[in-house]
C-alpha atoms as a PDB file:
ATOM      1  CA  MET A   1       0.063   0.008  -0.050  1.00  0.00           C
ATOM      2  CA  THR A   2       1.348   3.370  -0.909  1.00  0.00           C
ATOM      3  CA  ILE A   3       0.434   6.479   1.120  1.00  0.00           C
ATOM      4  CA  GLN A   4       0.191   9.281  -1.390  1.00  0.00           C
ATOM      5  CA  THR A   5      -0.567  13.011  -0.728  1.00  0.00           C
ATOM      6  CA  ASP A   6      -1.130  15.912  -3.222  1.00  0.00           C
ATOM      7  CA  TRP A   7       1.185  18.035  -1.312  1.00  0.00           C
ATOM      8  CA  PRO A   8       4.726  17.649   0.037  1.00  0.00           C
ATOM      9  CA  ALA A   9       4.636  17.455   3.860  1.00  0.00           C
ATOM     10  CA  ALA A  10       6.207  20.732   4.365  1.00  0.00           C
ATOM     11  CA  ALA A  11       3.662  22.424   2.036  1.00  0.00           C
ATOM     12  CA  ARG A  12       0.624  20.780   3.460  1.00  0.00           C
ATOM     13  CA  PRO A  13      -1.724  23.316   4.961  1.00  0.00           C
ATOM     14  CA  ALA A  14      -2.081  23.207   8.705  1.00  0.00           C
ATOM     15  CA  GLY A  15      -5.215  21.389   9.857  1.00  0.00           C
ATOM     16  CA  ARG A  16      -5.753  19.368   6.728  1.00  0.00           C
ATOM     17  CA  VAL A  17      -6.008  15.665   6.831  1.00  0.00           C
ATOM     18  CA  THR A  18      -5.108  14.043   3.491  1.00  0.00           C
ATOM     19  CA  THR A  19      -5.996  10.414   3.195  1.00  0.00           C
ATOM     20  CA  ARG A  20      -4.824   7.969   0.616  1.00  0.00           C
ATOM     21  CA  ILE A  21      -5.701   4.598   1.256  1.00  0.00           C
ATOM     22  CA  GLY A  22      -5.030   2.021  -1.524  1.00  0.00           C
ATOM     23  CA  GLY A  23      -2.564   1.376  -4.116  1.00  0.00           C
ATOM     24  CA  THR A  24       0.063  -1.474  -4.179  1.00  0.00           C
ATOM     25  CA  ARG A  25       0.405  -3.166  -0.863  1.00  0.00           C
ATOM     26  CA  ARG A  26       3.449  -5.080   0.139  1.00  0.00           C
ATOM     27  CA  ALA A  27       3.072  -7.257   3.074  1.00  0.00           C
ATOM     28  CA  GLY A  28       4.537  -6.088   6.230  1.00  0.00           C
ATOM     29  CA  THR A  29       5.446  -2.573   4.827  1.00  0.00           C
ATOM     30  CA  THR A  30       2.414  -0.662   6.033  1.00  0.00           C
ATOM     31  CA  SER A  31       2.019   0.064   9.721  1.00  0.00           C
ATOM     32  CA  ILE A  32      -1.518   0.728  10.921  1.00  0.00           C
ATOM     33  CA  GLN A  33      -2.481   2.027  14.265  1.00  0.00           C
ATOM     34  CA  ILE A  34      -6.077   1.352  15.292  1.00  0.00           C
ATOM     35  CA  VAL A  35      -7.464   3.340  18.112  1.00  0.00           C
ATOM     36  CA  ALA A  36     -10.706   2.550  20.071  1.00  0.00           C
ATOM     37  CA  THR A  37     -12.542   3.677  23.211  1.00  0.00           C
ATOM     38  CA  THR A  38     -13.944   0.774  25.061  1.00  0.00           C
ATOM     39  CA  GLY A  39     -17.239   2.500  25.879  1.00  0.00           C
ATOM     40  CA  SER A  40     -18.186   3.561  22.467  1.00  0.00           C
ATOM     41  CA  GLY A  41     -21.377   2.118  21.003  1.00  0.00           C
ATOM     42  CA  ASN A  42     -21.852   0.282  24.408  1.00  0.00           C
ATOM     43  CA  GLY A  43     -18.638  -1.784  24.022  1.00  0.00           C
ATOM     44  CA  VAL A  44     -19.104  -2.535  20.232  1.00  0.00           C
ATOM     45  CA  ALA A  45     -16.095  -0.321  19.282  1.00  0.00           C
ATOM     46  CA  LEU A  46     -13.441  -2.455  20.919  1.00  0.00           C
ATOM     47  CA  ASP A  47     -14.872  -5.602  19.390  1.00  0.00           C
ATOM     48  CA  ALA A  48     -15.001  -4.008  15.847  1.00  0.00           C
ATOM     49  CA  ALA A  49     -11.382  -2.745  16.469  1.00  0.00           C
ATOM     50  CA  ARG A  50     -10.250  -6.310  17.209  1.00  0.00           C
ATOM     51  CA  ARG A  51     -11.923  -7.805  14.218  1.00  0.00           C
ATOM     52  CA  LEU A  52     -10.630  -5.092  11.931  1.00  0.00           C
ATOM     53  CA  GLY A  53      -7.146  -5.699  13.358  1.00  0.00           C
ATOM     54  CA  ASP A  54      -7.363  -9.403  12.679  1.00  0.00           C
ATOM     55  CA  ALA A  55      -8.684  -8.903   9.275  1.00  0.00           C
ATOM     56  CA  LEU A  56      -5.999  -6.439   8.283  1.00  0.00           C
ATOM     57  CA  ARG A  57      -3.218  -8.703   9.693  1.00  0.00           C
ATOM     58  CA  ALA A  58      -4.560 -11.575   7.501  1.00  0.00           C
ATOM     59  CA  ARG A  59      -4.017  -9.317   4.556  1.00  0.00           C
ATOM     60  CA  GLY A  60      -0.384  -8.774   5.379  1.00  0.00           C
ATOM     61  CA  TYR A  61      -0.535  -5.451   7.269  1.00  0.00           C
ATOM     62  CA  ARG A  62       1.320  -4.708  10.534  1.00  0.00           C
ATOM     63  CA  VAL A  63      -1.249  -3.627  12.954  1.00  0.00           C
ATOM     64  CA  ALA A  64      -1.224  -2.191  16.462  1.00  0.00           C
ATOM     65  CA  LEU A  65      -4.389  -1.705  18.614  1.00  0.00           C
ATOM     66  CA  GLU A  66      -4.614   0.929  21.477  1.00  0.00           C
ATOM     67  CA  ALA A  67      -7.739   0.777  23.515  1.00  0.00           C
ATOM     68  CA  PHE A  68      -8.682   3.658  25.853  1.00  0.00           C
ATOM     69  CA  THR A  69     -11.265   3.539  28.589  1.00  0.00           C
ATOM     70  CA  ASP A  70     -12.186   7.100  28.149  1.00  0.00           C
ATOM     71  CA  VAL A  71     -11.776  10.035  25.821  1.00  0.00           C
ATOM     72  CA  PRO A  72      -9.488  12.056  28.192  1.00  0.00           C
ATOM     73  CA  SER A  73      -6.979   9.146  28.141  1.00  0.00           C
ATOM     74  CA  LEU A  74      -7.294   9.214  24.257  1.00  0.00           C
ATOM     75  CA  ARG A  75      -6.558  12.899  24.239  1.00  0.00           C
ATOM     76  CA  HIS A  76      -3.402  12.481  26.320  1.00  0.00           C
ATOM     77  CA  TRP A  77      -2.227   9.809  23.859  1.00  0.00           C
ATOM     78  CA  ALA A  78      -3.051  11.908  21.024  1.00  0.00           C
ATOM     79  CA  ALA A  79      -1.162  14.817  22.295  1.00  0.00           C
ATOM     80  CA  TRP A  80       2.035  12.675  23.036  1.00  0.00           C
ATOM     81  CA  GLY A  81       1.785   9.487  21.146  1.00  0.00           C
ATOM     82  CA  GLY A  82       0.661   8.215  17.869  1.00  0.00           C
ATOM     83  CA  ALA A  83       3.807   8.509  15.855  1.00  0.00           C
ATOM     84  CA  GLY A  84       5.257   5.815  13.654  1.00  0.00           C
ATOM     85  CA  SER A  85       2.357   4.532  11.672  1.00  0.00           C
ATOM     86  CA  SER A  86       1.528   5.075   8.068  1.00  0.00           C
ATOM     87  CA  LEU A  87      -2.374   5.032   8.557  1.00  0.00           C
ATOM     88  CA  LEU A  88      -4.324   5.815  11.711  1.00  0.00           C
ATOM     89  CA  ILE A  89      -7.860   4.268  12.078  1.00  0.00           C
ATOM     90  CA  GLY A  90     -10.161   5.615  14.850  1.00  0.00           C
ATOM     91  CA  VAL A  91     -13.036   3.133  15.921  1.00  0.00           C
ATOM     92  CA  GLY A  92     -15.708   4.884  18.061  1.00  0.00           C
ATOM     93  CA  GLY A  93     -17.915   7.739  18.276  1.00  0.00           C
ATOM     94  CA  ASP A  94     -17.517  11.469  17.383  1.00  0.00           C
ATOM     95  CA  GLY A  95     -15.344  12.104  20.493  1.00  0.00           C
ATOM     96  CA  THR A  96     -12.986   9.322  19.555  1.00  0.00           C
ATOM     97  CA  GLN A  97     -13.004  10.364  15.867  1.00  0.00           C
ATOM     98  CA  SER A  98     -12.174  14.132  16.532  1.00  0.00           C
ATOM     99  CA  THR A  99      -9.526  13.213  18.924  1.00  0.00           C
ATOM    100  CA  THR A 100      -7.815  10.571  16.898  1.00  0.00           C
ATOM    101  CA  ALA A 101      -8.107  12.915  13.784  1.00  0.00           C
ATOM    102  CA  ALA A 102      -6.186  15.508  15.841  1.00  0.00           C
ATOM    103  CA  ALA A 103      -3.286  12.965  16.174  1.00  0.00           C
ATOM    104  CA  ALA A 104      -3.312  12.238  12.442  1.00  0.00           C
ATOM    105  CA  VAL A 105      -3.110  15.958  11.736  1.00  0.00           C
ATOM    106  CA  ARG A 106      -0.272  16.353  14.285  1.00  0.00           C
ATOM    107  CA  HIS A 107       1.766  13.588  12.587  1.00  0.00           C
ATOM    108  CA  ALA A 108       0.518  14.356   8.984  1.00  0.00           C
ATOM    109  CA  ILE A 109      -0.633  10.834   8.342  1.00  0.00           C
ATOM    110  CA  PRO A 110      -3.879   9.453   6.833  1.00  0.00           C
ATOM    111  CA  PHE A 111      -6.884   9.032   9.032  1.00  0.00           C
ATOM    112  CA  LEU A 112      -9.864   6.533   8.619  1.00  0.00           C
ATOM    113  CA  ALA A 113     -12.922   7.031  10.661  1.00  0.00           C
ATOM    114  CA  VAL A 114     -14.788   3.774  11.613  1.00  0.00           C
ATOM    115  CA  PRO A 115     -18.135   4.735  13.196  1.00  0.00           C
ATOM    116  CA  SER A 116     -19.072   2.917  16.407  1.00  0.00           C
ATOM    117  CA  GLY A 117     -20.797   5.361  18.607  1.00  0.00           C
ATOM    118  CA  PHE A 118     -24.181   7.008  18.556  1.00  0.00           C
ATOM    119  CA  GLY A 119     -23.997  10.257  16.396  1.00  0.00           C
ATOM    120  CA  ASN A 120     -21.021   9.332  14.183  1.00  0.00           C
ATOM    121  CA  LEU A 121     -21.343  12.661  12.431  1.00  0.00           C
ATOM    122  CA  PHE A 122     -17.822  12.812  11.092  1.00  0.00           C
ATOM    123  CA  ALA A 123     -17.727   9.275   9.666  1.00  0.00           C
ATOM    124  CA  ARG A 124     -21.237   9.617   8.200  1.00  0.00           C
ATOM    125  CA  ALA A 125     -20.276  12.879   6.444  1.00  0.00           C
ATOM    126  CA  LEU A 126     -17.531  10.901   4.726  1.00  0.00           C
ATOM    127  CA  GLY A 127     -19.603   7.879   3.897  1.00  0.00           C
ATOM    128  CA  TYR A 128     -17.590   5.493   6.088  1.00  0.00           C
ATOM    129  CA  VAL A 129     -19.142   2.499   7.525  1.00  0.00           C
ATOM    130  CA  HIS A 130     -18.838   0.143  10.524  1.00  0.00           C
ATOM    131  CA  ASP A 131     -18.563  -3.004   8.290  1.00  0.00           C
ATOM    132  CA  VAL A 132     -15.139  -4.737   8.770  1.00  0.00           C
ATOM    133  CA  ASP A 133     -15.068  -6.046   5.232  1.00  0.00           C
ATOM    134  CA  ARG A 134     -15.849  -2.543   3.662  1.00  0.00           C
ATOM    135  CA  VAL A 135     -13.279  -1.035   5.916  1.00  0.00           C
ATOM    136  CA  VAL A 136     -10.586  -3.475   4.634  1.00  0.00           C
ATOM    137  CA  GLU A 137     -11.660  -2.688   1.171  1.00  0.00           C
ATOM    138  CA  LEU A 138     -11.145   1.022   1.879  1.00  0.00           C
ATOM    139  CA  VAL A 139      -7.592   0.370   3.185  1.00  0.00           C
ATOM    140  CA  ASP A 140      -6.864  -1.724   0.111  1.00  0.00           C
ATOM    141  CA  HIS A 141      -8.563   0.387  -2.569  1.00  0.00           C
ATOM    142  CA  GLY A 142      -9.763   3.627  -1.079  1.00  0.00           C
ATOM    143  CA  THR A 143      -9.425   7.102  -2.769  1.00  0.00           C
ATOM    144  CA  VAL A 144      -7.936  10.395  -1.573  1.00  0.00           C
ATOM    145  CA  VAL A 145     -10.285  12.656   0.603  1.00  0.00           C
ATOM    146  CA  HIS A 146      -9.209  16.003   1.748  1.00  0.00           C
ATOM    147  CA  VAL A 147     -10.967  17.268   4.878  1.00  0.00           C
ATOM    148  CA  ASP A 148     -10.562  20.682   6.454  1.00  0.00           C
ATOM    149  CA  VAL A 149     -10.439  20.393  10.332  1.00  0.00           C
ATOM    150  CA  GLY A 150     -10.511  23.011  13.063  1.00  0.00           C
ATOM    151  CA  GLY A 151      -8.391  22.889  16.179  1.00  0.00           C
ATOM    152  CA  ARG A 152      -9.056  23.587  19.712  1.00  0.00           C
END
């Protein structure tokens, strides 16, 4: 899988998430970080994140899963961690998505939202779904989506 952007990292506008998922994948060359909050969707998020991780590993991706019991813990991770992956996937509700997206912006890496909360406004606006097979399809063959984001 190749991560491509339209802009060199130094020229990329602040606050813009660029996502290119797809292309030619070589097993073991793409590192994917999955982040989930255990309470999102009454616990459904963590199960979905585990199933997604298993499915991506079966396709040859290197996958790490971080699960957080609450959004403040995730915020701390987003502020200080999250480096080293070529794709960041957030599984949870809007709080999880916005916090995980902030880490993606900070590290200038692609972000994929997987809805698993109640509102799911961000993921729905982008047409993302909760189905593991469809998420794997996005990772394998997705397209570039530019999203302007605001910061706090």
